């Protein structure tokens, strides 16, 4: 897989899971191992599926916009803007790909967008 393909797959994987089909996202884009570093999500694919299925049931109207996608070697970083019913978030998600071009590891950082800022710059 090329870096460009990994970037496309990371976006497709996250979009598919976020929009309510995490099982298909796992089936298409994840390899035999999936290591999860987000402390709110259980390790492995079953924990990922359960988390995103719950998020879809509880917040079906949430949306995501991919602001940036940066890749180097076997890593892809996604910078997103997420709108939830009463909150907005900026996230950074990092995915590591295995030698077969499948996602095998994930890290993230999530920050709520405050109502007021000390400057006029956006967070993305």
Protein backbone atom coordinates (compact mmCIF):
# COMPACT_ATOMS: atom_id res chain seq x y z
CA UNK A 1 0.00 0.00 0.00
CA UNK A 2 1.11 3.54 -0.66
CA UNK A 3 0.94 6.47 1.73
CA UNK A 4 -1.92 7.91 -0.35
CA UNK A 5 -3.86 4.64 -0.12
CA UNK A 6 -3.32 4.55 3.64
CA UNK A 7 -4.64 8.11 3.90
CA UNK A 8 -7.74 7.21 1.88
CA UNK A 9 -8.30 4.07 3.96
CA UNK A 10 -7.92 5.91 7.29
CA UNK A 11 -10.53 8.48 6.25
CA UNK A 12 -12.91 5.83 4.88
CA UNK A 13 -12.48 3.68 8.01
CA UNK A 14 -13.18 6.49 10.44
CA UNK A 15 -16.05 7.96 8.41
CA UNK A 16 -17.73 4.55 8.08
CA UNK A 17 -17.43 3.80 11.80
CA UNK A 18 -18.47 7.32 12.87
CA UNK A 19 -21.53 7.26 10.62
CA UNK A 20 -22.81 4.02 12.12
CA UNK A 21 -21.20 1.02 10.45
CA UNK A 22 -18.17 0.11 12.58
CA UNK A 23 -18.37 -3.61 11.84
CA UNK A 24 -18.02 -3.06 8.10
CA UNK A 25 -15.20 -0.57 8.76
CA UNK A 26 -13.36 -3.24 10.77
CA UNK A 27 -14.01 -5.90 8.12
CA UNK A 28 -12.69 -3.70 5.29
CA UNK A 29 -9.80 -1.82 6.85
CA UNK A 30 -8.45 -3.58 9.96
CA UNK A 31 -6.00 -6.46 10.04
CA UNK A 32 -5.72 -9.39 12.42
CA UNK A 33 -4.66 -7.17 15.33
CA UNK A 34 -6.13 -3.86 16.54
CA UNK A 35 -4.51 -2.09 19.47
CA UNK A 36 -6.61 0.71 20.99
CA UNK A 37 -4.95 3.48 23.04
CA UNK A 38 -8.08 5.53 23.81
CA UNK A 39 -8.79 4.76 27.49
CA UNK A 40 -12.57 5.06 26.93
CA UNK A 41 -12.65 2.26 24.33
CA UNK A 42 -11.85 -1.39 25.10
CA UNK A 43 -8.89 -2.90 23.26
CA UNK A 44 -9.51 -4.93 20.11
CA UNK A 45 -12.11 -4.85 17.39
CA UNK A 46 -15.14 -5.89 19.48
CA UNK A 47 -14.63 -2.97 21.84
CA UNK A 48 -14.33 -0.59 18.90
CA UNK A 49 -17.52 -1.91 17.32
CA UNK A 50 -19.48 -1.71 20.57
CA UNK A 51 -18.29 1.85 21.24
CA UNK A 52 -19.24 3.20 17.81
CA UNK A 53 -22.56 1.34 17.73
CA UNK A 54 -23.44 2.93 21.08
CA UNK A 55 -22.40 6.38 19.83
CA UNK A 56 -24.62 5.95 16.76
CA UNK A 57 -27.62 4.90 18.86
CA UNK A 58 -27.18 7.75 21.35
CA UNK A 59 -26.11 10.50 18.93
CA UNK A 60 -27.28 9.68 15.38
CA UNK A 61 -27.19 13.35 14.36
CA UNK A 62 -23.46 13.84 15.06
CA UNK A 63 -21.30 14.91 12.12
CA UNK A 64 -17.63 14.86 11.25
CA UNK A 65 -15.52 16.92 8.87
CA UNK A 66 -12.02 15.88 7.96
CA UNK A 67 -9.86 19.00 8.08
CA UNK A 68 -6.43 17.46 7.44
CA UNK A 69 -4.86 14.13 6.68
CA UNK A 70 -1.11 13.77 7.12
CA UNK A 71 0.92 10.61 6.58
CA UNK A 72 4.46 9.42 7.04
CA UNK A 73 5.71 5.86 6.77
CA UNK A 74 3.08 3.55 8.27
CA UNK A 75 1.28 6.32 10.22
CA UNK A 76 -1.70 8.46 9.21
CA UNK A 77 -3.00 11.41 11.24
CA UNK A 78 -6.52 12.77 10.84
CA UNK A 79 -7.48 16.23 12.11
CA UNK A 80 -11.26 16.47 12.42
CA UNK A 81 -14.03 18.84 13.44
CA UNK A 82 -16.90 17.00 15.11
CA UNK A 83 -20.35 18.42 15.84
CA UNK A 84 -22.34 16.68 18.55
CA UNK A 85 -25.81 17.70 19.81
CA UNK A 86 -24.54 20.18 22.40
CA UNK A 87 -20.77 20.25 21.89
CA UNK A 88 -18.09 20.69 19.25
CA UNK A 89 -14.75 18.93 19.28
CA UNK A 90 -11.44 19.05 17.50
CA UNK A 91 -9.74 15.66 17.35
CA UNK A 92 -6.46 14.21 16.21
CA UNK A 93 -6.55 10.51 15.40
CA UNK A 94 -3.43 8.53 14.58
CA UNK A 95 -3.55 5.17 12.81
CA UNK A 96 -0.70 2.73 12.25
CA UNK A 97 -0.89 0.39 9.27
CA UNK A 98 0.61 -3.09 9.12
CA UNK A 99 2.66 -4.50 6.23
CA UNK A 100 -0.57 -5.65 4.51
CA UNK A 101 -1.96 -2.11 4.44
CA UNK A 102 -4.46 -2.74 7.25
CA UNK A 103 -5.02 -0.57 10.32
CA UNK A 104 -3.52 -2.20 13.40
CA UNK A 105 -3.22 0.56 16.02
CA UNK A 106 -5.01 3.78 17.04
CA UNK A 107 -4.30 6.78 19.28
CA UNK A 108 -6.36 9.96 19.66
CA UNK A 109 -6.60 13.30 21.38
CA UNK A 110 -9.94 15.06 21.78
CA UNK A 111 -10.50 18.68 22.76
CA UNK A 112 -13.82 20.41 23.28
CA UNK A 113 -14.18 23.71 21.40
CA UNK A 114 -14.93 26.36 24.02
CA UNK A 115 -17.64 28.99 23.63
CA UNK A 116 -15.06 31.76 24.03
CA UNK A 117 -11.42 31.98 23.01
CA UNK A 118 -8.61 34.31 23.99
CA UNK A 119 -7.85 34.77 20.25
CA UNK A 120 -9.65 34.82 16.91
CA UNK A 121 -7.93 31.71 15.53
CA UNK A 122 -9.87 28.52 14.93
CA UNK A 123 -8.71 25.29 16.54
CA UNK A 124 -8.34 23.69 13.13
